[in-house]
Amino acid sequence: MSKNILLICGSGASSGFMAASMRKAAKKQGLDYKIKARSESELGDYLDEIDALMVGPHLKAEYDAISQRVPERVTPILMHADYYSILDGAGAVAHLRKELGD
């Protein structure tokens, strides 16, 4: 089953690199994940089409407020700095799968 995942960070730049790394890792694992990256300011434009929202670790202070903006069917996830800082897509996908129960 296909899942739509949105990554957000301050500007969308660092999450763009992370999303590319995650797409590669998901493809290797045979997962049908559609992974996009956008800036936090664009979040409202994508709420209707996503299954999970991954928030960059540098937005930790805003995480509670951000997660309250997402519909109940969307799983909000605060990304871990350990895999985010090195753009470890496989680590991020493992965390995502654990949170989604996949």
PDB file of N, CA and C in Angstrom:
ATOM      1  N   MET A   1       0.830  -1.186   0.000  1.00  0.00           N
ATOM      2  CA  MET A   1       0.000   0.000   0.000  1.00  0.00           C
ATOM      3  C   MET A   1       0.873   1.248   0.000  1.00  0.00           C
ATOM      4  N   SER A   2       0.528   2.182  -0.827  1.00  0.00           N
ATOM      5  CA  SER A   2       1.300   3.408  -0.952  1.00  0.00           C
ATOM      6  C   SER A   2       1.071   4.323   0.246  1.00  0.00           C
ATOM      7  N   LYS A   3       2.136   4.954   0.702  1.00  0.00           N
ATOM      8  CA  LYS A   3       2.040   5.932   1.792  1.00  0.00           C
ATOM      9  C   LYS A   3       2.673   7.230   1.326  1.00  0.00           C
ATOM     10  N   ASN A   4       2.019   8.333   1.649  1.00  0.00           N
ATOM     11  CA  ASN A   4       2.550   9.653   1.329  1.00  0.00           C
ATOM     12  C   ASN A   4       3.156  10.256   2.593  1.00  0.00           C
ATOM     13  N   ILE A   5       4.426  10.574   2.499  1.00  0.00           N
ATOM     14  CA  ILE A   5       5.184  11.084   3.636  1.00  0.00           C
ATOM     15  C   ILE A   5       5.669  12.490   3.304  1.00  0.00           C
ATOM     16  N   LEU A   6       5.497  13.416   4.245  1.00  0.00           N
ATOM     17  CA  LEU A   6       6.006  14.772   4.069  1.00  0.00           C
ATOM     18  C   LEU A   6       7.042  15.055   5.144  1.00  0.00           C
ATOM     19  N   LEU A   7       8.203  15.533   4.698  1.00  0.00           N
ATOM     20  CA  LEU A   7       9.249  15.974   5.621  1.00  0.00           C
ATOM     21  C   LEU A   7       9.230  17.488   5.621  1.00  0.00           C
ATOM     22  N   ILE A   8       9.338  18.080   6.802  1.00  0.00           N
ATOM     23  CA  ILE A   8       9.438  19.538   6.849  1.00  0.00           C
ATOM     24  C   ILE A   8      10.636  19.965   7.690  1.00  0.00           C
ATOM     25  N   CYS A   9      11.212  21.079   7.274  1.00  0.00           N
ATOM     26  CA  CYS A   9      12.269  21.732   8.047  1.00  0.00           C
ATOM     27  C   CYS A   9      12.031  23.225   7.903  1.00  0.00           C
ATOM     28  N   GLY A  10      12.945  24.026   8.329  1.00  0.00           N
ATOM     29  CA  GLY A  10      12.750  25.470   8.267  1.00  0.00           C
ATOM     30  C   GLY A  10      12.544  25.980   6.852  1.00  0.00           C
ATOM     31  N   SER A  11      13.477  25.663   5.953  1.00  0.00           N
ATOM     32  CA  SER A  11      13.411  26.192   4.594  1.00  0.00           C
ATOM     33  C   SER A  11      13.058  25.138   3.552  1.00  0.00           C
ATOM     34  N   GLY A  12      13.186  23.869   3.884  1.00  0.00           N
ATOM     35  CA  GLY A  12      12.933  22.797   2.927  1.00  0.00           C
ATOM     36  C   GLY A  12      14.201  22.270   2.281  1.00  0.00           C
ATOM     37  N   ALA A  13      15.338  22.925   2.540  1.00  0.00           N
ATOM     38  CA  ALA A  13      16.588  22.517   1.894  1.00  0.00           C
ATOM     39  C   ALA A  13      17.153  21.240   2.506  1.00  0.00           C
ATOM     40  N   SER A  14      17.396  21.225   3.803  1.00  0.00           N
ATOM     41  CA  SER A  14      17.989  20.028   4.422  1.00  0.00           C
ATOM     42  C   SER A  14      17.039  18.842   4.335  1.00  0.00           C
ATOM     43  N   SER A  15      15.739  19.079   4.463  1.00  0.00           N
ATOM     44  CA  SER A  15      14.801  17.963   4.365  1.00  0.00           C
ATOM     45  C   SER A  15      14.721  17.435   2.937  1.00  0.00           C
ATOM     46  N   GLY A  16      15.053  18.272   1.949  1.00  0.00           N
ATOM     47  CA  GLY A  16      15.094  17.813   0.565  1.00  0.00           C
ATOM     48  C   GLY A  16      16.158  16.753   0.358  1.00  0.00           C
ATOM     49  N   PHE A  17      17.330  16.969   0.938  1.00  0.00           N
ATOM     50  CA  PHE A  17      18.405  15.970   0.858  1.00  0.00           C
ATOM     51  C   PHE A  17      18.016  14.706   1.618  1.00  0.00           C
ATOM     52  N   MET A  18      17.376  14.884   2.773  1.00  0.00           N
ATOM     53  CA  MET A  18      16.947  13.739   3.575  1.00  0.00           C
ATOM     54  C   MET A  18      15.891  12.937   2.825  1.00  0.00           C
ATOM     55  N   ALA A  19      14.950  13.621   2.180  1.00  0.00           N
ATOM     56  CA  ALA A  19      13.897  12.924   1.432  1.00  0.00           C
ATOM     57  C   ALA A  19      14.486  12.098   0.299  1.00  0.00           C
ATOM     58  N   ALA A  20      15.469  12.651  -0.405  1.00  0.00           N
ATOM     59  CA  ALA A  20      16.112  11.908  -1.503  1.00  0.00           C
ATOM     60  C   ALA A  20      16.778  10.648  -0.965  1.00  0.00           C
ATOM     61  N   SER A  21      17.462  10.763   0.157  1.00  0.00           N
ATOM     62  CA  SER A  21      18.116   9.609   0.773  1.00  0.00           C
ATOM     63  C   SER A  21      17.080   8.579   1.233  1.00  0.00           C
ATOM     64  N   MET A  22      15.968   9.036   1.773  1.00  0.00           N
ATOM     65  CA  MET A  22      14.902   8.134   2.217  1.00  0.00           C
ATOM     66  C   MET A  22      14.231   7.437   1.037  1.00  0.00           C
ATOM     67  N   ARG A  23      14.040   8.164  -0.075  1.00  0.00           N
ATOM     68  CA  ARG A  23      13.428   7.534  -1.256  1.00  0.00           C
ATOM     69  C   ARG A  23      14.283   6.365  -1.741  1.00  0.00           C
ATOM     70  N   LYS A  24      15.608   6.567  -1.759  1.00  0.00           N
ATOM     71  CA  LYS A  24      16.514   5.480  -2.171  1.00  0.00           C
ATOM     72  C   LYS A  24      16.391   4.285  -1.227  1.00  0.00           C
ATOM     73  N   ALA A  25      16.402   4.559   0.073  1.00  0.00           N
ATOM     74  CA  ALA A  25      16.326   3.485   1.067  1.00  0.00           C
ATOM     75  C   ALA A  25      14.991   2.747   0.977  1.00  0.00           C
ATOM     76  N   ALA A  26      13.905   3.475   0.807  1.00  0.00           N
ATOM     77  CA  ALA A  26      12.579   2.855   0.715  1.00  0.00           C
ATOM     78  C   ALA A  26      12.480   1.985  -0.531  1.00  0.00           C
ATOM     79  N   LYS A  27      13.030   2.477  -1.646  1.00  0.00           N
ATOM     80  CA  LYS A  27      12.997   1.715  -2.895  1.00  0.00           C
ATOM     81  C   LYS A  27      13.768   0.408  -2.741  1.00  0.00           C
ATOM     82  N   LYS A  28      14.952   0.490  -2.106  1.00  0.00           N
ATOM     83  CA  LYS A  28      15.755  -0.725  -1.873  1.00  0.00           C
ATOM     84  C   LYS A  28      14.999  -1.756  -1.046  1.00  0.00           C
ATOM     85  N   GLN A  29      14.149  -1.270  -0.137  1.00  0.00           N
ATOM     86  CA  GLN A  29      13.392  -2.165   0.743  1.00  0.00           C
ATOM     87  C   GLN A  29      12.051  -2.574   0.132  1.00  0.00           C
ATOM     88  N   GLY A  30      11.791  -2.095  -1.092  1.00  0.00           N
ATOM     89  CA  GLY A  30      10.550  -2.459  -1.767  1.00  0.00           C
ATOM     90  C   GLY A  30       9.312  -1.784  -1.197  1.00  0.00           C
ATOM     91  N   LEU A  31       9.490  -0.644  -0.544  1.00  0.00           N
ATOM     92  CA  LEU A  31       8.365   0.068   0.061  1.00  0.00           C
ATOM     93  C   LEU A  31       7.788   1.083  -0.914  1.00  0.00           C
ATOM     94  N   ASP A  32       6.479   1.178  -0.946  1.00  0.00           N
ATOM     95  CA  ASP A  32       5.814   2.134  -1.823  1.00  0.00           C
ATOM     96  C   ASP A  32       5.545   3.416  -1.033  1.00  0.00           C
ATOM     97  N   TYR A  33       6.594   4.154  -0.759  1.00  0.00           N
ATOM     98  CA  TYR A  33       6.498   5.410  -0.029  1.00  0.00           C
ATOM     99  C   TYR A  33       6.756   6.562  -0.995  1.00  0.00           C
ATOM    100  N   LYS A  34       5.850   7.520  -1.004  1.00  0.00           N
ATOM    101  CA  LYS A  34       6.045   8.754  -1.767  1.00  0.00           C
ATOM    102  C   LYS A  34       6.521   9.797  -0.757  1.00  0.00           C
ATOM    103  N   ILE A  35       7.774  10.214  -0.875  1.00  0.00           N
ATOM    104  CA  ILE A  35       8.380  11.089   0.132  1.00  0.00           C
ATOM    105  C   ILE A  35       8.712  12.443  -0.477  1.00  0.00           C
ATOM    106  N   LYS A  36       8.122  13.490   0.093  1.00  0.00           N
ATOM    107  CA  LYS A  36       8.355  14.867  -0.358  1.00  0.00           C
ATOM    108  C   LYS A  36       8.939  15.671   0.792  1.00  0.00           C
ATOM    109  N   ALA A  37       9.605  16.754   0.445  1.00  0.00           N
ATOM    110  CA  ALA A  37      10.124  17.676   1.457  1.00  0.00           C
ATOM    111  C   ALA A  37       9.658  19.086   1.122  1.00  0.00           C
ATOM    112  N   ARG A  38       9.239  19.782   2.139  1.00  0.00           N
ATOM    113  CA  ARG A  38       8.791  21.162   1.976  1.00  0.00           C
ATOM    114  C   ARG A  38       9.203  21.963   3.213  1.00  0.00           C
ATOM    115  N   SER A  39       9.056  23.276   3.100  1.00  0.00           N
ATOM    116  CA  SER A  39       9.324  24.109   4.273  1.00  0.00           C
ATOM    117  C   SER A  39       8.119  24.036   5.208  1.00  0.00           C
ATOM    118  N   GLU A  40       8.351  24.339   6.466  1.00  0.00           N
ATOM    119  CA  GLU A  40       7.291  24.295   7.473  1.00  0.00           C
ATOM    120  C   GLU A  40       6.130  25.206   7.078  1.00  0.00           C
ATOM    121  N   SER A  41       6.420  26.312   6.428  1.00  0.00           N
ATOM    122  CA  SER A  41       5.375  27.267   6.053  1.00  0.00           C
ATOM    123  C   SER A  41       4.403  26.709   5.011  1.00  0.00           C
ATOM    124  N   GLU A  42       4.793  25.644   4.298  1.00  0.00           N
ATOM    125  CA  GLU A  42       3.930  25.045   3.270  1.00  0.00           C
ATOM    126  C   GLU A  42       3.089  23.884   3.793  1.00  0.00           C
ATOM    127  N   LEU A  43       3.222  23.555   5.060  1.00  0.00           N
ATOM    128  CA  LEU A  43       2.555  22.380   5.630  1.00  0.00           C
ATOM    129  C   LEU A  43       1.066  22.331   5.306  1.00  0.00           C
ATOM    130  N   GLY A  44       0.364  23.447   5.465  1.00  0.00           N
ATOM    131  CA  GLY A  44      -1.075  23.480   5.238  1.00  0.00           C
ATOM    132  C   GLY A  44      -1.492  23.050   3.847  1.00  0.00           C
ATOM    133  N   ASP A  45      -0.608  23.222   2.863  1.00  0.00           N
ATOM    134  CA  ASP A  45      -0.921  22.853   1.485  1.00  0.00           C
ATOM    135  C   ASP A  45      -0.959  21.341   1.265  1.00  0.00           C
ATOM    136  N   TYR A  46      -0.408  20.561   2.199  1.00  0.00           N
ATOM    137  CA  TYR A  46      -0.240  19.117   1.983  1.00  0.00           C
ATOM    138  C   TYR A  46      -0.984  18.237   2.988  1.00  0.00           C
ATOM    139  N   LEU A  47      -1.643  18.827   3.965  1.00  0.00           N
ATOM    140  CA  LEU A  47      -2.272  18.045   5.035  1.00  0.00           C
ATOM    141  C   LEU A  47      -3.298  17.036   4.532  1.00  0.00           C
ATOM    142  N   ASP A  48      -3.986  17.342   3.449  1.00  0.00           N
ATOM    143  CA  ASP A  48      -5.029  16.448   2.947  1.00  0.00           C
ATOM    144  C   ASP A  48      -4.483  15.237   2.216  1.00  0.00           C
ATOM    145  N   GLU A  49      -3.202  15.268   1.837  1.00  0.00           N
ATOM    146  CA  GLU A  49      -2.681  14.177   1.009  1.00  0.00           C
ATOM    147  C   GLU A  49      -1.618  13.321   1.677  1.00  0.00           C
ATOM    148  N   ILE A  50      -1.330  13.543   2.956  1.00  0.00           N
ATOM    149  CA  ILE A  50      -0.241  12.781   3.582  1.00  0.00           C
ATOM    150  C   ILE A  50      -0.745  11.786   4.632  1.00  0.00           C
ATOM    151  N   ASP A  51       0.068  10.739   4.828  1.00  0.00           N
ATOM    152  CA  ASP A  51      -0.201   9.731   5.858  1.00  0.00           C
ATOM    153  C   ASP A  51       0.687   9.945   7.082  1.00  0.00           C
ATOM    154  N   ALA A  52       1.861  10.546   6.849  1.00  0.00           N
ATOM    155  CA  ALA A  52       2.786  10.808   7.956  1.00  0.00           C
ATOM    156  C   ALA A  52       3.518  12.115   7.705  1.00  0.00           C
ATOM    157  N   LEU A  53       3.830  12.793   8.794  1.00  0.00           N
ATOM    158  CA  LEU A  53       4.584  14.037   8.746  1.00  0.00           C
ATOM    159  C   LEU A  53       5.838  13.861   9.585  1.00  0.00           C
ATOM    160  N   MET A  54       6.990  13.982   8.945  1.00  0.00           N
ATOM    161  CA  MET A  54       8.258  13.891   9.666  1.00  0.00           C
ATOM    162  C   MET A  54       8.833  15.302   9.803  1.00  0.00           C
ATOM    163  N   VAL A  55       9.102  15.682  11.033  1.00  0.00           N
ATOM    164  CA  VAL A  55       9.543  17.033  11.359  1.00  0.00           C
ATOM    165  C   VAL A  55      11.035  17.019  11.677  1.00  0.00           C
ATOM    166  N   GLY A  56      11.779  17.923  11.049  1.00  0.00           N
ATOM    167  CA  GLY A  56      13.220  18.008  11.288  1.00  0.00           C
ATOM    168  C   GLY A  56      13.530  18.247  12.760  1.00  0.00           C
ATOM    169  N   PRO A  57      14.614  17.654  13.262  1.00  0.00           N
ATOM    170  CA  PRO A  57      14.936  17.757  14.691  1.00  0.00           C
ATOM    171  C   PRO A  57      15.190  19.186  15.155  1.00  0.00           C
ATOM    172  N   HIS A  58      15.579  20.059  14.252  1.00  0.00           N
ATOM    173  CA  HIS A  58      15.825  21.452  14.622  1.00  0.00           C
ATOM    174  C   HIS A  58      14.518  22.213  14.864  1.00  0.00           C
ATOM    175  N   LEU A  59      13.377  21.597  14.555  1.00  0.00           N
ATOM    176  CA  LEU A  59      12.071  22.199  14.847  1.00  0.00           C
ATOM    177  C   LEU A  59      11.451  21.595  16.108  1.00  0.00           C
ATOM    178  N   LYS A  60      12.270  20.972  16.936  1.00  0.00           N
ATOM    179  CA  LYS A  60      11.782  20.294  18.145  1.00  0.00           C
ATOM    180  C   LYS A  60      10.937  21.221  19.023  1.00  0.00           C
ATOM    181  N   ALA A  61      11.352  22.471  19.172  1.00  0.00           N
ATOM    182  CA  ALA A  61      10.620  23.419  20.018  1.00  0.00           C
ATOM    183  C   ALA A  61       9.216  23.693  19.485  1.00  0.00           C
ATOM    184  N   GLU A  62       9.038  23.583  18.170  1.00  0.00           N
ATOM    185  CA  GLU A  62       7.725  23.829  17.556  1.00  0.00           C
ATOM    186  C   GLU A  62       6.929  22.553  17.315  1.00  0.00           C
ATOM    187  N   TYR A  63       7.523  21.375  17.635  1.00  0.00           N
ATOM    188  CA  TYR A  63       6.908  20.093  17.277  1.00  0.00           C
ATOM    189  C   TYR A  63       5.484  19.945  17.813  1.00  0.00           C
ATOM    190  N   ASP A  64       5.249  20.290  19.070  1.00  0.00           N
ATOM    191  CA  ASP A  64       3.905  20.117  19.630  1.00  0.00           C
ATOM    192  C   ASP A  64       2.882  20.955  18.872  1.00  0.00           C
ATOM    193  N   ALA A  65       3.233  22.198  18.583  1.00  0.00           N
ATOM    194  CA  ALA A  65       2.321  23.074  17.846  1.00  0.00           C
ATOM    195  C   ALA A  65       2.096  22.556  16.429  1.00  0.00           C
ATOM    196  N   ILE A  66       3.160  22.074  15.794  1.00  0.00           N
ATOM    197  CA  ILE A  66       3.038  21.534  14.429  1.00  0.00           C
ATOM    198  C   ILE A  66       2.155  20.285  14.433  1.00  0.00           C
ATOM    199  N   SER A  67       2.397  19.378  15.377  1.00  0.00           N
ATOM    200  CA  SER A  67       1.642  18.119  15.389  1.00  0.00           C
ATOM    201  C   SER A  67       0.163  18.354  15.686  1.00  0.00           C
ATOM    202  N   GLN A  68      -0.167  19.448  16.363  1.00  0.00           N
ATOM    203  CA  GLN A  68      -1.584  19.760  16.614  1.00  0.00           C
ATOM    204  C   GLN A  68      -2.291  20.251  15.356  1.00  0.00           C
ATOM    205  N   ARG A  69      -1.540  20.646  14.352  1.00  0.00           N
ATOM    206  CA  ARG A  69      -2.129  21.138  13.100  1.00  0.00           C
ATOM    207  C   ARG A  69      -2.523  20.002  12.147  1.00  0.00           C
ATOM    208  N   VAL A  70      -1.996  18.807  12.375  1.00  0.00           N
ATOM    209  CA  VAL A  70      -2.254  17.711  11.433  1.00  0.00           C
ATOM    210  C   VAL A  70      -3.537  16.960  11.802  1.00  0.00           C
ATOM    211  N   PRO A  71      -4.262  16.476  10.787  1.00  0.00           N
ATOM    212  CA  PRO A  71      -5.475  15.690  11.061  1.00  0.00           C
ATOM    213  C   PRO A  71      -5.123  14.416  11.845  1.00  0.00           C
ATOM    214  N   GLU A  72      -6.128  13.858  12.520  1.00  0.00           N
ATOM    215  CA  GLU A  72      -5.909  12.681  13.359  1.00  0.00           C
ATOM    216  C   GLU A  72      -5.362  11.483  12.588  1.00  0.00           C
ATOM    217  N   ARG A  73      -5.719  11.356  11.316  1.00  0.00           N
ATOM    218  CA  ARG A  73      -5.269  10.203  10.520  1.00  0.00           C
ATOM    219  C   ARG A  73      -3.800  10.300  10.127  1.00  0.00           C
ATOM    220  N   VAL A  74      -3.194  11.466  10.298  1.00  0.00           N
ATOM    221  CA  VAL A  74      -1.782  11.676   9.949  1.00  0.00           C
ATOM    222  C   VAL A  74      -0.916  11.413  11.181  1.00  0.00           C
ATOM    223  N   THR A  75       0.148  10.632  10.986  1.00  0.00           N
ATOM    224  CA  THR A  75       1.080  10.329  12.073  1.00  0.00           C
ATOM    225  C   THR A  75       2.202  11.358  12.082  1.00  0.00           C
ATOM    226  N   PRO A  76       2.285  12.196  13.144  1.00  0.00           N
ATOM    227  CA  PRO A  76       3.407  13.137  13.232  1.00  0.00           C
ATOM    228  C   PRO A  76       4.610  12.454  13.889  1.00  0.00           C
ATOM    229  N   ILE A  77       5.804  12.696  13.340  1.00  0.00           N
ATOM    230  CA  ILE A  77       7.021  12.046  13.836  1.00  0.00           C
ATOM    231  C   ILE A  77       8.124  13.092  13.926  1.00  0.00           C
ATOM    232  N   LEU A  78       8.747  13.197  15.084  1.00  0.00           N
ATOM    233  CA  LEU A  78       9.900  14.073  15.239  1.00  0.00           C
ATOM    234  C   LEU A  78      11.145  13.266  14.860  1.00  0.00           C
ATOM    235  N   MET A  79      11.834  13.684  13.815  1.00  0.00           N
ATOM    236  CA  MET A  79      13.023  12.949  13.365  1.00  0.00           C
ATOM    237  C   MET A  79      14.147  13.066  14.387  1.00  0.00           C
ATOM    238  N   HIS A  80      14.963  12.049  14.437  1.00  0.00           N
ATOM    239  CA  HIS A  80      16.097  12.012  15.363  1.00  0.00           C
ATOM    240  C   HIS A  80      17.322  12.669  14.724  1.00  0.00           C
ATOM    241  N   ALA A  81      18.040  13.431  15.511  1.00  0.00           N
ATOM    242  CA  ALA A  81      19.232  14.128  15.009  1.00  0.00           C
ATOM    243  C   ALA A  81      20.308  13.143  14.566  1.00  0.00           C
ATOM    244  N   ASP A  82      20.376  11.949  15.192  1.00  0.00           N
ATOM    245  CA  ASP A  82      21.455  11.018  14.851  1.00  0.00           C
ATOM    246  C   ASP A  82      21.423  10.595  13.389  1.00  0.00           C
ATOM    247  N   TYR A  83      20.270  10.291  12.832  1.00  0.00           N
ATOM    248  CA  TYR A  83      20.227   9.933  11.406  1.00  0.00           C
ATOM    249  C   TYR A  83      20.041  11.159  10.518  1.00  0.00           C
ATOM    250  N   TYR A  84      19.358  12.169  11.012  1.00  0.00           N
ATOM    251  CA  TYR A  84      19.104  13.365  10.199  1.00  0.00           C
ATOM    252  C   TYR A  84      20.396  14.103   9.880  1.00  0.00           C
ATOM    253  N   SER A  85      21.262  14.221  10.870  1.00  0.00           N
ATOM    254  CA  SER A  85      22.496  15.004  10.692  1.00  0.00           C
ATOM    255  C   SER A  85      23.439  14.401   9.660  1.00  0.00           C
ATOM    256  N   ILE A  86      23.330  13.086   9.440  1.00  0.00           N
ATOM    257  CA  ILE A  86      24.202  12.439   8.442  1.00  0.00           C
ATOM    258  C   ILE A  86      23.414  11.988   7.207  1.00  0.00           C
ATOM    259  N   LEU A  87      22.154  12.455   7.111  1.00  0.00           N
ATOM    260  CA  LEU A  87      21.278  12.113   5.981  1.00  0.00           C
ATOM    261  C   LEU A  87      21.180  10.604   5.766  1.00  0.00           C
ATOM    262  N   ASP A  88      21.017   9.871   6.860  1.00  0.00           N
ATOM    263  CA  ASP A  88      20.897   8.415   6.823  1.00  0.00           C
ATOM    264  C   ASP A  88      19.448   8.045   6.506  1.00  0.00           C
ATOM    265  N   GLY A  89      19.175   7.885   5.213  1.00  0.00           N
ATOM    266  CA  GLY A  89      17.820   7.569   4.778  1.00  0.00           C
ATOM    267  C   GLY A  89      17.308   6.254   5.328  1.00  0.00           C
ATOM    268  N   ALA A  90      18.171   5.253   5.419  1.00  0.00           N
ATOM    269  CA  ALA A  90      17.754   3.951   5.941  1.00  0.00           C
ATOM    270  C   ALA A  90      17.347   4.070   7.411  1.00  0.00           C
ATOM    271  N   GLY A  91      18.085   4.855   8.170  1.00  0.00           N
ATOM    272  CA  GLY A  91      17.739   5.074   9.578  1.00  0.00           C
ATOM    273  C   GLY A  91      16.404   5.792   9.715  1.00  0.00           C
ATOM    274  N   ALA A  92      16.182   6.771   8.852  1.00  0.00           N
ATOM    275  CA  ALA A  92      14.918   7.510   8.884  1.00  0.00           C
ATOM    276  C   ALA A  92      13.749   6.623   8.482  1.00  0.00           C
ATOM    277  N   VAL A  93      13.943   5.779   7.468  1.00  0.00           N
ATOM    278  CA  VAL A  93      12.880   4.870   7.027  1.00  0.00           C
ATOM    279  C   VAL A  93      12.574   3.851   8.121  1.00  0.00           C
ATOM    280  N   ALA A  94      13.605   3.367   8.814  1.00  0.00           N
ATOM    281  CA  ALA A  94      13.391   2.424   9.923  1.00  0.00           C
ATOM    282  C   ALA A  94      12.544   3.083  11.019  1.00  0.00           C
ATOM    283  N   HIS A  95      12.852   4.321  11.350  1.00  0.00           N
ATOM    284  CA  HIS A  95      12.085   5.058  12.350  1.00  0.00           C
ATOM    285  C   HIS A  95      10.643   5.259  11.865  1.00  0.00           C
ATOM    286  N   LEU A  96      10.481   5.632  10.625  1.00  0.00           N
ATOM    287  CA  LEU A  96       9.160   5.836  10.040  1.00  0.00           C
ATOM    288  C   LEU A  96       8.327   4.551  10.098  1.00  0.00           C
ATOM    289  N   ARG A  97       8.918   3.455   9.694  1.00  0.00           N
ATOM    290  CA  ARG A  97       8.208   2.154   9.706  1.00  0.00           C
ATOM    291  C   ARG A  97       7.782   1.774  11.106  1.00  0.00           C
ATOM    292  N   LYS A  98       8.651   2.026  12.080  1.00  0.00           N
ATOM    293  CA  LYS A  98       8.332   1.707  13.474  1.00  0.00           C
ATOM    294  C   LYS A  98       7.137   2.530  13.934  1.00  0.00           C
ATOM    295  N   GLU A  99       7.134   3.817  13.614  1.00  0.00           N
ATOM    296  CA  GLU A  99       6.040   4.705  14.033  1.00  0.00           C
ATOM    297  C   GLU A  99       4.725   4.350  13.328  1.00  0.00           C
ATOM    298  N   LEU A 100       4.805   3.923  12.074  1.00  0.00           N
ATOM    299  CA  LEU A 100       3.598   3.570  11.314  1.00  0.00           C
ATOM    300  C   LEU A 100       3.130   2.143  11.578  1.00  0.00           C
ATOM    301  N   GLY A 101       3.993   1.362  12.199  1.00  0.00           N
ATOM    302  CA  GLY A 101       3.646  -0.043  12.428  1.00  0.00           C
ATOM    303  C   GLY A 101       3.743  -0.883  11.178  1.00  0.00           C
ATOM    304  N   ASP A 102       4.574  -0.448  10.217  1.00  0.00           N
ATOM    305  CA  ASP A 102       4.762  -1.177   8.947  1.00  0.00           C
ATOM    306  C   ASP A 102       5.812  -2.273   9.086  1.00  0.00           C
TER     307      ASP A 102
END
